[in-house]
Amino acid sequence: MNPDPGNELVDVIDAAGLTIATVTRREMRERRLPHRCIYILVFNQNGNLFVHLRTATKDVYPSHWDVAVGGVLAAGESFAEGALREIYEELGIESTPEPLFPFEYADASTGVRSWAYRICHDGPFRLQPEEIVRGEFVGLQEAVTRSTQDPFCPDGLAVFAEYRKRLAFTP
């Protein structure tokens, strides 16, 4: 049996990104406290983007599609450490991500300071069943089109839009 993710410890941050408290993930979500997280865009060698369907049990944006793997940093964890951990946990692979840019996002569900990363990997992946129902590689335009038709995580879409704006896709 997996431990309750709501009991994981998370650093709460101030406007400058400095840790001001440590609380459970559950409390962070209930109070919508600002925290750190990472987003990893996963491309294959053909330049397609990995999109995945989140489980219905996720604490934010359940049953939404997402264009990025990643998540909340554990208390005391660095962005780089979190990226390596999330890649292994969610995709079941070891891959060193390329840092892209810092990113801030806030909506009615969450408020984060984050780093965006990318990796290139063709799979196969061992998807984490507690977090991911299924996933597939799609062309960039198809990802954009699907995001207007299906529920997608808005924070991941914001990272994807910033990526396209800043870097223009290069495999």
C-alpha atoms as a PDB file:
ATOM      1  CA  MET A   1       0.000   0.000   0.000  1.00  0.00           C
ATOM      2  CA  ASN A   2       1.278   3.426  -0.941  1.00  0.00           C
ATOM      3  CA  PRO A   3       1.560   6.113   1.724  1.00  0.00           C
ATOM      4  CA  ASP A   4      -0.953   8.969   1.587  1.00  0.00           C
ATOM      5  CA  PRO A   5       0.539  11.730  -0.618  1.00  0.00           C
ATOM      6  CA  GLY A   6      -1.433  14.244   1.454  1.00  0.00           C
ATOM      7  CA  ASN A   7       0.975  13.576   4.322  1.00  0.00           C
ATOM      8  CA  GLU A   8       4.099  14.484   2.302  1.00  0.00           C
ATOM      9  CA  LEU A   9       5.921  17.541   3.623  1.00  0.00           C
ATOM     10  CA  VAL A  10       6.119  20.592   1.353  1.00  0.00           C
ATOM     11  CA  ASP A  11       7.903  23.919   1.764  1.00  0.00           C
ATOM     12  CA  VAL A  12       5.699  27.012   1.726  1.00  0.00           C
ATOM     13  CA  ILE A  13       7.438  29.961   0.074  1.00  0.00           C
ATOM     14  CA  ASP A  14       7.197  33.749   0.160  1.00  0.00           C
ATOM     15  CA  ALA A  15       7.071  36.118  -2.831  1.00  0.00           C
ATOM     16  CA  ALA A  16      10.862  35.862  -3.207  1.00  0.00           C
ATOM     17  CA  GLY A  17      10.734  32.045  -3.293  1.00  0.00           C
ATOM     18  CA  LEU A  18      12.245  31.602   0.161  1.00  0.00           C
ATOM     19  CA  THR A  19      10.960  28.880   2.477  1.00  0.00           C
ATOM     20  CA  ILE A  20       8.844  30.329   5.289  1.00  0.00           C
ATOM     21  CA  ALA A  21       7.158  27.157   6.586  1.00  0.00           C
ATOM     22  CA  THR A  22       6.822  23.436   6.042  1.00  0.00           C
ATOM     23  CA  VAL A  23       3.356  21.861   5.952  1.00  0.00           C
ATOM     24  CA  THR A  24       1.711  18.720   4.671  1.00  0.00           C
ATOM     25  CA  ARG A  25       0.735  18.602   1.033  1.00  0.00           C
ATOM     26  CA  ARG A  26      -2.896  18.340   2.171  1.00  0.00           C
ATOM     27  CA  GLU A  27      -2.653  21.603   4.117  1.00  0.00           C
ATOM     28  CA  MET A  28      -0.827  23.280   1.210  1.00  0.00           C
ATOM     29  CA  ARG A  29      -3.711  22.325  -1.131  1.00  0.00           C
ATOM     30  CA  GLU A  30      -6.492  23.188   1.341  1.00  0.00           C
ATOM     31  CA  ARG A  31      -5.050  26.641   2.029  1.00  0.00           C
ATOM     32  CA  ARG A  32      -3.680  27.146  -1.534  1.00  0.00           C
ATOM     33  CA  LEU A  33      -0.244  27.979  -0.134  1.00  0.00           C
ATOM     34  CA  PRO A  34       2.537  28.987  -2.546  1.00  0.00           C
ATOM     35  CA  HIS A  35       5.093  26.224  -3.093  1.00  0.00           C
ATOM     36  CA  ARG A  36       7.744  24.933  -5.518  1.00  0.00           C
ATOM     37  CA  CYS A  37       7.244  22.441  -8.303  1.00  0.00           C
ATOM     38  CA  ILE A  38       8.756  21.302 -11.585  1.00  0.00           C
ATOM     39  CA  TYR A  39       7.440  20.700 -15.088  1.00  0.00           C
ATOM     40  CA  ILE A  40       9.171  18.385 -17.551  1.00  0.00           C
ATOM     41  CA  LEU A  41       8.270  18.416 -21.241  1.00  0.00           C
ATOM     42  CA  VAL A  42       9.047  14.999 -22.721  1.00  0.00           C
ATOM     43  CA  PHE A  43       9.826  14.830 -26.436  1.00  0.00           C
ATOM     44  CA  ASN A  44      10.744  11.846 -28.574  1.00  0.00           C
ATOM     45  CA  GLN A  45      13.375  11.878 -31.317  1.00  0.00           C
ATOM     46  CA  ASN A  46      10.706  12.783 -33.880  1.00  0.00           C
ATOM     47  CA  GLY A  47       9.864  15.952 -31.957  1.00  0.00           C
ATOM     48  CA  ASN A  48       6.515  14.715 -30.666  1.00  0.00           C
ATOM     49  CA  LEU A  49       5.374  15.653 -27.155  1.00  0.00           C
ATOM     50  CA  PHE A  50       4.320  13.118 -24.522  1.00  0.00           C
ATOM     51  CA  VAL A  51       0.844  13.887 -23.169  1.00  0.00           C
ATOM     52  CA  HIS A  52      -0.796  11.870 -20.428  1.00  0.00           C
ATOM     53  CA  LEU A  53      -4.102  11.481 -18.641  1.00  0.00           C
ATOM     54  CA  ARG A  54      -3.928  12.075 -14.887  1.00  0.00           C
ATOM     55  CA  THR A  55      -5.762   9.762 -12.511  1.00  0.00           C
ATOM     56  CA  ALA A  56      -9.095  10.721 -10.959  1.00  0.00           C
ATOM     57  CA  THR A  57      -7.433  10.666  -7.522  1.00  0.00           C
ATOM     58  CA  LYS A  58      -4.972  13.522  -8.159  1.00  0.00           C
ATOM     59  CA  ASP A  59      -5.292  16.355  -5.620  1.00  0.00           C
ATOM     60  CA  VAL A  60      -5.328  19.038  -8.304  1.00  0.00           C
ATOM     61  CA  TYR A  61      -6.675  18.801 -11.870  1.00  0.00           C
ATOM     62  CA  PRO A  62      -7.903  15.176 -11.532  1.00  0.00           C
ATOM     63  CA  SER A  63      -8.773  13.363 -14.778  1.00  0.00           C
ATOM     64  CA  HIS A  64      -7.132  16.104 -16.841  1.00  0.00           C
ATOM     65  CA  TRP A  65      -4.662  15.591 -19.646  1.00  0.00           C
ATOM     66  CA  ASP A  66      -1.216  17.089 -19.091  1.00  0.00           C
ATOM     67  CA  VAL A  67       1.603  18.085 -21.425  1.00  0.00           C
ATOM     68  CA  ALA A  68       4.244  17.870 -18.673  1.00  0.00           C
ATOM     69  CA  VAL A  69       5.284  15.325 -16.100  1.00  0.00           C
ATOM     70  CA  GLY A  70       6.511  16.610 -12.784  1.00  0.00           C
ATOM     71  CA  GLY A  71       5.053  17.846  -9.578  1.00  0.00           C
ATOM     72  CA  VAL A  72       5.460  19.364  -6.162  1.00  0.00           C
ATOM     73  CA  LEU A  73       8.914  19.435  -4.599  1.00  0.00           C
ATOM     74  CA  ALA A  74       9.369  17.690  -1.275  1.00  0.00           C
ATOM     75  CA  ALA A  75      10.448  19.831   1.681  1.00  0.00           C
ATOM     76  CA  GLY A  76      14.127  20.723   1.273  1.00  0.00           C
ATOM     77  CA  GLU A  77      14.339  19.284  -2.249  1.00  0.00           C
ATOM     78  CA  SER A  78      16.057  21.279  -5.019  1.00  0.00           C
ATOM     79  CA  PHE A  79      14.490  21.789  -8.431  1.00  0.00           C
ATOM     80  CA  ALA A  80      17.131  19.509 -10.029  1.00  0.00           C
ATOM     81  CA  GLU A  81      16.590  16.771  -7.429  1.00  0.00           C
ATOM     82  CA  GLY A  82      12.826  16.989  -7.870  1.00  0.00           C
ATOM     83  CA  ALA A  83      13.110  16.754 -11.648  1.00  0.00           C
ATOM     84  CA  LEU A  84      15.209  13.574 -11.463  1.00  0.00           C
ATOM     85  CA  ARG A  85      12.845  12.048  -8.897  1.00  0.00           C
ATOM     86  CA  GLU A  86       9.676  12.881 -10.839  1.00  0.00           C
ATOM     87  CA  ILE A  87      11.075  11.499 -14.108  1.00  0.00           C
ATOM     88  CA  TYR A  88      11.871   8.235 -12.377  1.00  0.00           C
ATOM     89  CA  GLU A  89       8.615   8.037 -10.401  1.00  0.00           C
ATOM     90  CA  GLU A  90       6.210   8.985 -13.187  1.00  0.00           C
ATOM     91  CA  LEU A  91       7.956   7.510 -16.237  1.00  0.00           C
ATOM     92  CA  GLY A  92      10.122   4.779 -14.701  1.00  0.00           C
ATOM     93  CA  ILE A  93      13.270   5.981 -16.502  1.00  0.00           C
ATOM     94  CA  GLU A  94      16.500   7.671 -15.556  1.00  0.00           C
ATOM     95  CA  SER A  95      17.159  10.756 -17.650  1.00  0.00           C
ATOM     96  CA  THR A  96      18.966  14.006 -16.933  1.00  0.00           C
ATOM     97  CA  PRO A  97      16.651  16.881 -17.810  1.00  0.00           C
ATOM     98  CA  GLU A  98      17.740  20.071 -19.536  1.00  0.00           C
ATOM     99  CA  PRO A  99      16.760  23.162 -17.510  1.00  0.00           C
ATOM    100  CA  LEU A 100      14.726  25.584 -19.632  1.00  0.00           C
ATOM    101  CA  PHE A 101      13.429  28.521 -17.584  1.00  0.00           C
ATOM    102  CA  PRO A 102      11.963  29.521 -14.223  1.00  0.00           C
ATOM    103  CA  PHE A 103       8.203  29.812 -14.254  1.00  0.00           C
ATOM    104  CA  GLU A 104       5.501  31.200 -11.970  1.00  0.00           C
ATOM    105  CA  TYR A 105       1.864  30.194 -12.152  1.00  0.00           C
ATOM    106  CA  ALA A 106      -1.244  30.874 -10.087  1.00  0.00           C
ATOM    107  CA  ASP A 107      -4.942  30.148 -10.475  1.00  0.00           C
ATOM    108  CA  ALA A 108      -7.842  29.309  -8.171  1.00  0.00           C
ATOM    109  CA  SER A 109      -6.352  25.846  -7.475  1.00  0.00           C
ATOM    110  CA  THR A 110      -2.637  26.479  -7.040  1.00  0.00           C
ATOM    111  CA  GLY A 111       0.222  28.973  -6.820  1.00  0.00           C
ATOM    112  CA  VAL A 112       3.758  27.903  -7.706  1.00  0.00           C
ATOM    113  CA  ARG A 113       7.284  28.993  -8.423  1.00  0.00           C
ATOM    114  CA  SER A 114       8.833  26.400 -10.641  1.00  0.00           C
ATOM    115  CA  TRP A 115      11.428  25.395 -13.168  1.00  0.00           C
ATOM    116  CA  ALA A 116      10.596  23.956 -16.560  1.00  0.00           C
ATOM    117  CA  TYR A 117      12.789  21.223 -18.025  1.00  0.00           C
ATOM    118  CA  ARG A 118      12.801  19.012 -21.067  1.00  0.00           C
ATOM    119  CA  ILE A 119      14.047  15.561 -21.925  1.00  0.00           C
ATOM    120  CA  CYS A 120      14.208  13.573 -25.128  1.00  0.00           C
ATOM    121  CA  HIS A 121      13.263   9.909 -24.717  1.00  0.00           C
ATOM    122  CA  ASP A 122      11.404   7.490 -26.967  1.00  0.00           C
ATOM    123  CA  GLY A 123      10.264   5.196 -24.168  1.00  0.00           C
ATOM    124  CA  PRO A 124       9.095   2.691 -23.319  1.00  0.00           C
ATOM    125  CA  PHE A 125       7.926   4.154 -20.028  1.00  0.00           C
ATOM    126  CA  ARG A 126       6.756   2.432 -16.864  1.00  0.00           C
ATOM    127  CA  LEU A 127       3.950   4.831 -15.954  1.00  0.00           C
ATOM    128  CA  GLN A 128       3.171   5.413 -12.278  1.00  0.00           C
ATOM    129  CA  PRO A 129      -0.359   3.974 -11.854  1.00  0.00           C
ATOM    130  CA  GLU A 130      -1.200   6.263  -8.914  1.00  0.00           C
ATOM    131  CA  GLU A 131      -0.672   9.321 -11.130  1.00  0.00           C
ATOM    132  CA  ILE A 132      -0.997   8.417 -14.814  1.00  0.00           C
ATOM    133  CA  VAL A 133      -3.803   6.470 -16.530  1.00  0.00           C
ATOM    134  CA  ARG A 134      -2.176   6.433 -19.971  1.00  0.00           C
ATOM    135  CA  GLY A 135       0.018   8.526 -22.234  1.00  0.00           C
ATOM    136  CA  GLU A 136       1.086   8.945 -25.836  1.00  0.00           C
ATOM    137  CA  PHE A 137       3.315  11.022 -28.071  1.00  0.00           C
ATOM    138  CA  VAL A 138       1.533  13.569 -30.278  1.00  0.00           C
ATOM    139  CA  GLY A 139       2.641  16.277 -32.662  1.00  0.00           C
ATOM    140  CA  LEU A 140       2.865  19.785 -31.233  1.00  0.00           C
ATOM    141  CA  GLN A 141      -0.086  21.074 -33.247  1.00  0.00           C
ATOM    142  CA  GLU A 142      -2.163  18.074 -32.187  1.00  0.00           C
ATOM    143  CA  ALA A 143      -1.340  18.837 -28.537  1.00  0.00           C
ATOM    144  CA  VAL A 144      -2.533  22.415 -29.020  1.00  0.00           C
ATOM    145  CA  THR A 145      -5.709  21.279 -30.810  1.00  0.00           C
ATOM    146  CA  ARG A 146      -6.539  18.634 -28.194  1.00  0.00           C
ATOM    147  CA  SER A 147      -6.057  21.178 -25.418  1.00  0.00           C
ATOM    148  CA  THR A 148      -9.019  23.134 -26.824  1.00  0.00           C
ATOM    149  CA  GLN A 149     -11.233  20.039 -26.912  1.00  0.00           C
ATOM    150  CA  ASP A 150     -10.344  18.049 -23.778  1.00  0.00           C
ATOM    151  CA  PRO A 151      -9.667  19.110 -20.173  1.00  0.00           C
ATOM    152  CA  PHE A 152      -5.940  19.841 -19.849  1.00  0.00           C
ATOM    153  CA  CYS A 153      -3.988  21.065 -16.831  1.00  0.00           C
ATOM    154  CA  PRO A 154      -3.813  24.843 -17.255  1.00  0.00           C
ATOM    155  CA  ASP A 155      -0.421  25.163 -15.573  1.00  0.00           C
ATOM    156  CA  GLY A 156       1.158  22.628 -17.927  1.00  0.00           C
ATOM    157  CA  LEU A 157      -0.392  24.418 -20.902  1.00  0.00           C
ATOM    158  CA  ALA A 158       1.066  27.709 -19.644  1.00  0.00           C
ATOM    159  CA  VAL A 159       4.537  26.130 -19.461  1.00  0.00           C
ATOM    160  CA  PHE A 160       4.082  24.672 -22.958  1.00  0.00           C
ATOM    161  CA  ALA A 161       3.014  28.070 -24.335  1.00  0.00           C
ATOM    162  CA  GLU A 162       6.031  29.753 -22.728  1.00  0.00           C
ATOM    163  CA  TYR A 163       8.302  27.047 -24.139  1.00  0.00           C
ATOM    164  CA  ARG A 164       6.952  27.580 -27.659  1.00  0.00           C
ATOM    165  CA  LYS A 165       7.256  31.359 -27.277  1.00  0.00           C
ATOM    166  CA  ARG A 166      10.814  31.334 -25.903  1.00  0.00           C
ATOM    167  CA  LEU A 167      12.524  28.459 -27.595  1.00  0.00           C
ATOM    168  CA  ALA A 168      10.778  27.322 -30.761  1.00  0.00           C
ATOM    169  CA  PHE A 169      10.838  23.550 -30.855  1.00  0.00           C
ATOM    170  CA  THR A 170      14.144  21.802 -31.472  1.00  0.00           C
ATOM    171  CA  PRO A 171      14.359  18.046 -30.912  1.00  0.00           C
END
